[in-house]
Amino acid sequence: MLPTDPDTDLVRRCLGGEHDAFHELTVRYYRPVGAFLLKRVQRPDVVEDLAQETFLEAYRSLKEGRRPENFSSWLFGIAVNCCGKWLRRKRPALFDPADPPDLPAVPPSTEAEEREEQQHRLAALENGLAGLSPATRTLLEMKHRHGKTCEQIAAELRQPVGTVKSQLSRAYKALRQRLTPAGGETP
């Protein structure tokens, strides 16, 4: 009689619904899978996530009734797939904190520049509003300066709420068109 593989018995018990059996497999293979993943990705901060993803996928597969012939080979195959998915992901280019880039990504602006930009935008908004009809300006003023809801505006103007919403929508569209420069970018 040939000795049975202890993994085979644990897999059989997992398939029978014993959660402790999968826990035993996890304890047995967690460190080897983690070491394998670390060798592949060279990022200790990512290994824990990939190892958990590997064991979660293995658990789901066993729960669905998939019976691997050789558990360790099957588990490491899952780890290879999880690792491959991670390596194919697009990630932003990072810099080493010990060696930051020479120039900041966004040039620092002074308070005066920010204030000037804000004044420029407010002036553009005022010019855009000046080109709208008095009724439209009143509607926008009620909504944004006085903080009234569409229902409150409708009651005050004795109009249906849907009409007020339509008028506001058209007002926003007209204002957007007035504020959009010829290049198409909003300020």
C-alpha atoms as a PDB file:
ATOM      1  CA  MET A   1       0.000   0.000   0.000  1.00  0.00           C
ATOM      2  CA  LEU A   2       1.382   3.435  -1.014  1.00  0.00           C
ATOM      3  CA  PRO A   3       1.470   6.219   1.548  1.00  0.00           C
ATOM      4  CA  THR A   4      -1.140   8.880   0.724  1.00  0.00           C
ATOM      5  CA  ASP A   5      -0.178  12.475   0.204  1.00  0.00           C
ATOM      6  CA  PRO A   6      -1.295  14.553   3.218  1.00  0.00           C
ATOM      7  CA  ASP A   7      -2.361  17.338   0.829  1.00  0.00           C
ATOM      8  CA  THR A   8      -4.719  14.964  -0.963  1.00  0.00           C
ATOM      9  CA  ASP A   9      -6.493  14.153   2.287  1.00  0.00           C
ATOM     10  CA  LEU A  10      -6.763  17.841   3.194  1.00  0.00           C
ATOM     11  CA  VAL A  11      -8.109  18.677  -0.284  1.00  0.00           C
ATOM     12  CA  ARG A  12     -10.662  15.887   0.041  1.00  0.00           C
ATOM     13  CA  ARG A  13     -11.744  17.287   3.420  1.00  0.00           C
ATOM     14  CA  CYS A  14     -11.936  20.815   1.919  1.00  0.00           C
ATOM     15  CA  LEU A  15     -14.177  19.505  -0.829  1.00  0.00           C
ATOM     16  CA  GLY A  16     -16.320  17.987   1.925  1.00  0.00           C
ATOM     17  CA  GLY A  17     -16.794  21.434   3.429  1.00  0.00           C
ATOM     18  CA  GLU A  18     -14.244  21.378   6.269  1.00  0.00           C
ATOM     19  CA  HIS A  19     -12.857  24.904   6.643  1.00  0.00           C
ATOM     20  CA  ASP A  20     -10.143  23.748   9.049  1.00  0.00           C
ATOM     21  CA  ALA A  21      -8.632  21.589   6.308  1.00  0.00           C
ATOM     22  CA  PHE A  22      -8.092  24.617   4.081  1.00  0.00           C
ATOM     23  CA  HIS A  23      -6.625  26.480   7.049  1.00  0.00           C
ATOM     24  CA  GLU A  24      -4.081  23.680   7.440  1.00  0.00           C
ATOM     25  CA  LEU A  25      -3.175  23.956   3.735  1.00  0.00           C
ATOM     26  CA  THR A  26      -2.811  27.724   4.106  1.00  0.00           C
ATOM     27  CA  VAL A  27      -0.516  27.368   7.115  1.00  0.00           C
ATOM     28  CA  ARG A  28       1.534  24.765   5.263  1.00  0.00           C
ATOM     29  CA  TYR A  29       1.999  26.755   2.039  1.00  0.00           C
ATOM     30  CA  TYR A  30       1.722  30.438   3.001  1.00  0.00           C
ATOM     31  CA  ARG A  31       5.453  31.028   3.545  1.00  0.00           C
ATOM     32  CA  PRO A  32       6.618  29.091   0.456  1.00  0.00           C
ATOM     33  CA  VAL A  33       4.069  30.908  -1.737  1.00  0.00           C
ATOM     34  CA  GLY A  34       5.108  34.247  -0.206  1.00  0.00           C
ATOM     35  CA  ALA A  35       8.794  33.527  -0.866  1.00  0.00           C
ATOM     36  CA  PHE A  36       7.991  32.488  -4.441  1.00  0.00           C
ATOM     37  CA  LEU A  37       6.032  35.700  -5.027  1.00  0.00           C
ATOM     38  CA  LEU A  38       8.758  37.862  -3.487  1.00  0.00           C
ATOM     39  CA  LYS A  39      11.321  36.325  -5.818  1.00  0.00           C
ATOM     40  CA  ARG A  40       9.067  37.125  -8.805  1.00  0.00           C
ATOM     41  CA  VAL A  41       7.929  40.692  -8.002  1.00  0.00           C
ATOM     42  CA  GLN A  42      10.811  41.934  -5.817  1.00  0.00           C
ATOM     43  CA  ARG A  43       8.328  44.074  -3.835  1.00  0.00           C
ATOM     44  CA  PRO A  44       7.772  43.025  -0.203  1.00  0.00           C
ATOM     45  CA  ASP A  45       4.880  45.501   0.075  1.00  0.00           C
ATOM     46  CA  VAL A  46       2.956  43.643  -2.653  1.00  0.00           C
ATOM     47  CA  VAL A  47       3.672  40.045  -1.637  1.00  0.00           C
ATOM     48  CA  GLU A  48       1.058  39.927   1.141  1.00  0.00           C
ATOM     49  CA  ASP A  49      -1.715  41.042  -1.216  1.00  0.00           C
ATOM     50  CA  LEU A  50      -0.685  38.577  -3.918  1.00  0.00           C
ATOM     51  CA  ALA A  51      -0.444  35.719  -1.431  1.00  0.00           C
ATOM     52  CA  GLN A  52      -3.920  36.463  -0.114  1.00  0.00           C
ATOM     53  CA  GLU A  53      -5.247  36.703  -3.656  1.00  0.00           C
ATOM     54  CA  THR A  54      -3.643  33.316  -4.430  1.00  0.00           C
ATOM     55  CA  PHE A  55      -5.205  31.563  -1.449  1.00  0.00           C
ATOM     56  CA  LEU A  56      -8.567  33.213  -2.012  1.00  0.00           C
ATOM     57  CA  GLU A  57      -8.610  31.981  -5.611  1.00  0.00           C
ATOM     58  CA  ALA A  58      -7.606  28.485  -4.456  1.00  0.00           C
ATOM     59  CA  TYR A  59     -10.380  28.477  -1.848  1.00  0.00           C
ATOM     60  CA  ARG A  60     -12.983  29.598  -4.396  1.00  0.00           C
ATOM     61  CA  SER A  61     -11.881  26.909  -6.833  1.00  0.00           C
ATOM     62  CA  LEU A  62     -12.038  24.189  -4.191  1.00  0.00           C
ATOM     63  CA  LYS A  63     -15.443  25.423  -3.076  1.00  0.00           C
ATOM     64  CA  GLU A  64     -16.648  25.102  -6.688  1.00  0.00           C
ATOM     65  CA  GLY A  65     -15.570  21.469  -6.593  1.00  0.00           C
ATOM     66  CA  ARG A  66     -12.348  21.664  -8.601  1.00  0.00           C
ATOM     67  CA  ARG A  67     -10.107  18.782  -7.526  1.00  0.00           C
ATOM     68  CA  PRO A  68      -6.396  19.379  -8.248  1.00  0.00           C
ATOM     69  CA  GLU A  69      -4.220  16.320  -8.853  1.00  0.00           C
ATOM     70  CA  ASN A  70      -1.211  17.835  -7.112  1.00  0.00           C
ATOM     71  CA  PHE A  71      -2.222  20.607  -4.717  1.00  0.00           C
ATOM     72  CA  SER A  72       1.172  22.307  -4.402  1.00  0.00           C
ATOM     73  CA  SER A  73       1.739  22.509  -8.169  1.00  0.00           C
ATOM     74  CA  TRP A  74      -1.813  23.759  -8.663  1.00  0.00           C
ATOM     75  CA  LEU A  75      -1.433  26.373  -5.904  1.00  0.00           C
ATOM     76  CA  PHE A  76       1.846  27.670  -7.310  1.00  0.00           C
ATOM     77  CA  GLY A  77       0.195  27.842 -10.740  1.00  0.00           C
ATOM     78  CA  ILE A  78      -2.444  30.120  -9.220  1.00  0.00           C
ATOM     79  CA  ALA A  79       0.352  32.186  -7.661  1.00  0.00           C
ATOM     80  CA  VAL A  80       2.025  32.510 -11.082  1.00  0.00           C
ATOM     81  CA  ASN A  81      -1.258  33.736 -12.582  1.00  0.00           C
ATOM     82  CA  CYS A  82      -1.848  36.261  -9.787  1.00  0.00           C
ATOM     83  CA  CYS A  83       1.725  37.473 -10.153  1.00  0.00           C
ATOM     84  CA  GLY A  84       1.352  37.780 -13.917  1.00  0.00           C
ATOM     85  CA  LYS A  85      -1.844  39.827 -13.541  1.00  0.00           C
ATOM     86  CA  TRP A  86      -0.087  42.149 -11.119  1.00  0.00           C
ATOM     87  CA  LEU A  87       2.946  42.564 -13.398  1.00  0.00           C
ATOM     88  CA  ARG A  88       0.728  43.397 -16.391  1.00  0.00           C
ATOM     89  CA  ARG A  89      -1.190  46.120 -14.523  1.00  0.00           C
ATOM     90  CA  LYS A  90      -0.437  49.675 -15.524  1.00  0.00           C
ATOM     91  CA  ARG A  91       1.021  51.521 -12.593  1.00  0.00           C
ATOM     92  CA  PRO A  92       2.046  55.135 -12.273  1.00  0.00           C
ATOM     93  CA  ALA A  93       5.774  55.747 -12.395  1.00  0.00           C
ATOM     94  CA  LEU A  94       7.006  56.283  -8.860  1.00  0.00           C
ATOM     95  CA  PHE A  95      10.230  57.768  -7.673  1.00  0.00           C
ATOM     96  CA  ASP A  96      12.419  56.586  -4.837  1.00  0.00           C
ATOM     97  CA  PRO A  97      11.639  58.659  -1.716  1.00  0.00           C
ATOM     98  CA  ALA A  98      15.363  58.792  -0.984  1.00  0.00           C
ATOM     99  CA  ASP A  99      15.993  60.322  -4.424  1.00  0.00           C
ATOM    100  CA  PRO A 100      13.138  62.732  -5.249  1.00  0.00           C
ATOM    101  CA  PRO A 101      12.991  64.391  -8.676  1.00  0.00           C
ATOM    102  CA  ASP A 102      14.825  67.667  -9.136  1.00  0.00           C
ATOM    103  CA  LEU A 103      11.751  69.602 -10.250  1.00  0.00           C
ATOM    104  CA  PRO A 104       8.305  69.351  -8.698  1.00  0.00           C
ATOM    105  CA  ALA A 105       5.591  67.967 -10.967  1.00  0.00           C
ATOM    106  CA  VAL A 106       3.583  71.163 -10.589  1.00  0.00           C
ATOM    107  CA  PRO A 107       5.414  74.429 -10.170  1.00  0.00           C
ATOM    108  CA  PRO A 108       4.561  76.054  -6.861  1.00  0.00           C
ATOM    109  CA  SER A 109       2.319  79.075  -7.155  1.00  0.00           C
ATOM    110  CA  THR A 110       2.322  82.035  -4.882  1.00  0.00           C
ATOM    111  CA  GLU A 111      -0.708  83.335  -3.053  1.00  0.00           C
ATOM    112  CA  ALA A 112      -0.645  86.413  -5.264  1.00  0.00           C
ATOM    113  CA  GLU A 113      -0.809  84.262  -8.413  1.00  0.00           C
ATOM    114  CA  GLU A 114      -3.685  82.238  -6.973  1.00  0.00           C
ATOM    115  CA  ARG A 115      -5.548  85.387  -5.957  1.00  0.00           C
ATOM    116  CA  GLU A 116      -4.995  86.882  -9.426  1.00  0.00           C
ATOM    117  CA  GLU A 117      -6.274  83.687 -11.075  1.00  0.00           C
ATOM    118  CA  GLN A 118      -9.347  83.681  -8.836  1.00  0.00           C
ATOM    119  CA  GLN A 119     -10.047  87.351  -9.645  1.00  0.00           C
ATOM    120  CA  HIS A 120      -9.658  86.589 -13.348  1.00  0.00           C
ATOM    121  CA  ARG A 121     -12.185  83.731 -13.103  1.00  0.00           C
ATOM    122  CA  LEU A 122     -14.630  85.869 -11.111  1.00  0.00           C
ATOM    123  CA  ALA A 123     -14.377  88.660 -13.685  1.00  0.00           C
ATOM    124  CA  ALA A 124     -15.026  86.152 -16.494  1.00  0.00           C
ATOM    125  CA  LEU A 125     -18.032  84.820 -14.572  1.00  0.00           C
ATOM    126  CA  GLU A 126     -19.422  88.336 -14.029  1.00  0.00           C
ATOM    127  CA  ASN A 127     -18.973  89.103 -17.760  1.00  0.00           C
ATOM    128  CA  GLY A 128     -20.696  85.840 -18.655  1.00  0.00           C
ATOM    129  CA  LEU A 129     -23.576  86.607 -16.304  1.00  0.00           C
ATOM    130  CA  ALA A 130     -23.909  90.142 -17.693  1.00  0.00           C
ATOM    131  CA  GLY A 131     -24.607  88.693 -21.134  1.00  0.00           C
ATOM    132  CA  LEU A 132     -27.591  86.665 -19.869  1.00  0.00           C
ATOM    133  CA  SER A 133     -31.155  87.958 -19.709  1.00  0.00           C
ATOM    134  CA  PRO A 134     -32.288  89.636 -16.453  1.00  0.00           C
ATOM    135  CA  ALA A 135     -34.746  86.781 -15.779  1.00  0.00           C
ATOM    136  CA  THR A 136     -31.974  84.199 -16.149  1.00  0.00           C
ATOM    137  CA  ARG A 137     -29.621  86.194 -13.910  1.00  0.00           C
ATOM    138  CA  THR A 138     -32.375  86.448 -11.279  1.00  0.00           C
ATOM    139  CA  LEU A 139     -32.940  82.706 -11.447  1.00  0.00           C
ATOM    140  CA  LEU A 140     -29.217  81.973 -10.993  1.00  0.00           C
ATOM    141  CA  GLU A 141     -28.976  84.522  -8.182  1.00  0.00           C
ATOM    142  CA  MET A 142     -31.857  82.890  -6.323  1.00  0.00           C
ATOM    143  CA  LYS A 143     -30.282  79.479  -6.728  1.00  0.00           C
ATOM    144  CA  HIS A 144     -26.650  80.292  -5.939  1.00  0.00           C
ATOM    145  CA  ARG A 145     -26.448  83.525  -3.987  1.00  0.00           C
ATOM    146  CA  HIS A 146     -29.532  82.914  -1.866  1.00  0.00           C
ATOM    147  CA  GLY A 147     -29.127  79.126  -1.751  1.00  0.00           C
ATOM    148  CA  LYS A 148     -32.754  78.358  -2.607  1.00  0.00           C
ATOM    149  CA  THR A 149     -33.895  74.983  -3.854  1.00  0.00           C
ATOM    150  CA  CYS A 150     -35.707  74.545  -7.163  1.00  0.00           C
ATOM    151  CA  GLU A 151     -38.930  73.974  -5.228  1.00  0.00           C
ATOM    152  CA  GLN A 152     -38.530  77.255  -3.303  1.00  0.00           C
ATOM    153  CA  ILE A 153     -37.763  79.171  -6.508  1.00  0.00           C
ATOM    154  CA  ALA A 154     -40.776  77.623  -8.241  1.00  0.00           C
ATOM    155  CA  ALA A 155     -43.056  78.607  -5.360  1.00  0.00           C
ATOM    156  CA  GLU A 156     -41.706  82.165  -5.318  1.00  0.00           C
ATOM    157  CA  LEU A 157     -41.984  82.594  -9.104  1.00  0.00           C
ATOM    158  CA  ARG A 158     -45.301  80.690  -9.241  1.00  0.00           C
ATOM    159  CA  GLN A 159     -43.964  78.301 -11.874  1.00  0.00           C
ATOM    160  CA  PRO A 160     -43.832  74.495 -12.015  1.00  0.00           C
ATOM    161  CA  VAL A 161     -40.660  72.936 -10.570  1.00  0.00           C
ATOM    162  CA  GLY A 162     -39.918  71.276 -13.922  1.00  0.00           C
ATOM    163  CA  THR A 163     -39.958  74.667 -15.632  1.00  0.00           C
ATOM    164  CA  VAL A 164     -37.495  76.087 -13.112  1.00  0.00           C
ATOM    165  CA  LYS A 165     -35.192  73.091 -13.575  1.00  0.00           C
ATOM    166  CA  SER A 166     -35.356  73.464 -17.374  1.00  0.00           C
ATOM    167  CA  GLN A 167     -34.613  77.173 -17.161  1.00  0.00           C
ATOM    168  CA  LEU A 168     -31.645  76.509 -14.848  1.00  0.00           C
ATOM    169  CA  SER A 169     -30.334  73.838 -17.202  1.00  0.00           C
ATOM    170  CA  ARG A 170     -30.522  76.226 -20.162  1.00  0.00           C
ATOM    171  CA  ALA A 171     -28.920  78.977 -18.071  1.00  0.00           C
ATOM    172  CA  TYR A 172     -25.988  76.708 -17.133  1.00  0.00           C
ATOM    173  CA  LYS A 173     -25.541  75.709 -20.771  1.00  0.00           C
ATOM    174  CA  ALA A 174     -25.558  79.333 -21.935  1.00  0.00           C
ATOM    175  CA  LEU A 175     -23.123  80.336 -19.184  1.00  0.00           C
ATOM    176  CA  ARG A 176     -20.808  77.441 -20.043  1.00  0.00           C
ATOM    177  CA  GLN A 177     -20.782  78.539 -23.686  1.00  0.00           C
ATOM    178  CA  ARG A 178     -19.949  82.109 -22.688  1.00  0.00           C
ATOM    179  CA  LEU A 179     -17.149  81.011 -20.353  1.00  0.00           C
ATOM    180  CA  THR A 180     -15.570  78.466 -22.711  1.00  0.00           C
ATOM    181  CA  PRO A 181     -12.672  80.028 -24.608  1.00  0.00           C
ATOM    182  CA  ALA A 182     -12.272  79.497 -28.344  1.00  0.00           C
ATOM    183  CA  GLY A 183      -9.904  76.532 -27.674  1.00  0.00           C
ATOM    184  CA  GLY A 184     -12.706  74.597 -26.001  1.00  0.00           C
ATOM    185  CA  GLU A 185     -11.205  74.310 -22.517  1.00  0.00           C
ATOM    186  CA  THR A 186     -13.209  75.592 -19.582  1.00  0.00           C
ATOM    187  CA  PRO A 187     -11.337  78.086 -17.411  1.00  0.00           C
END
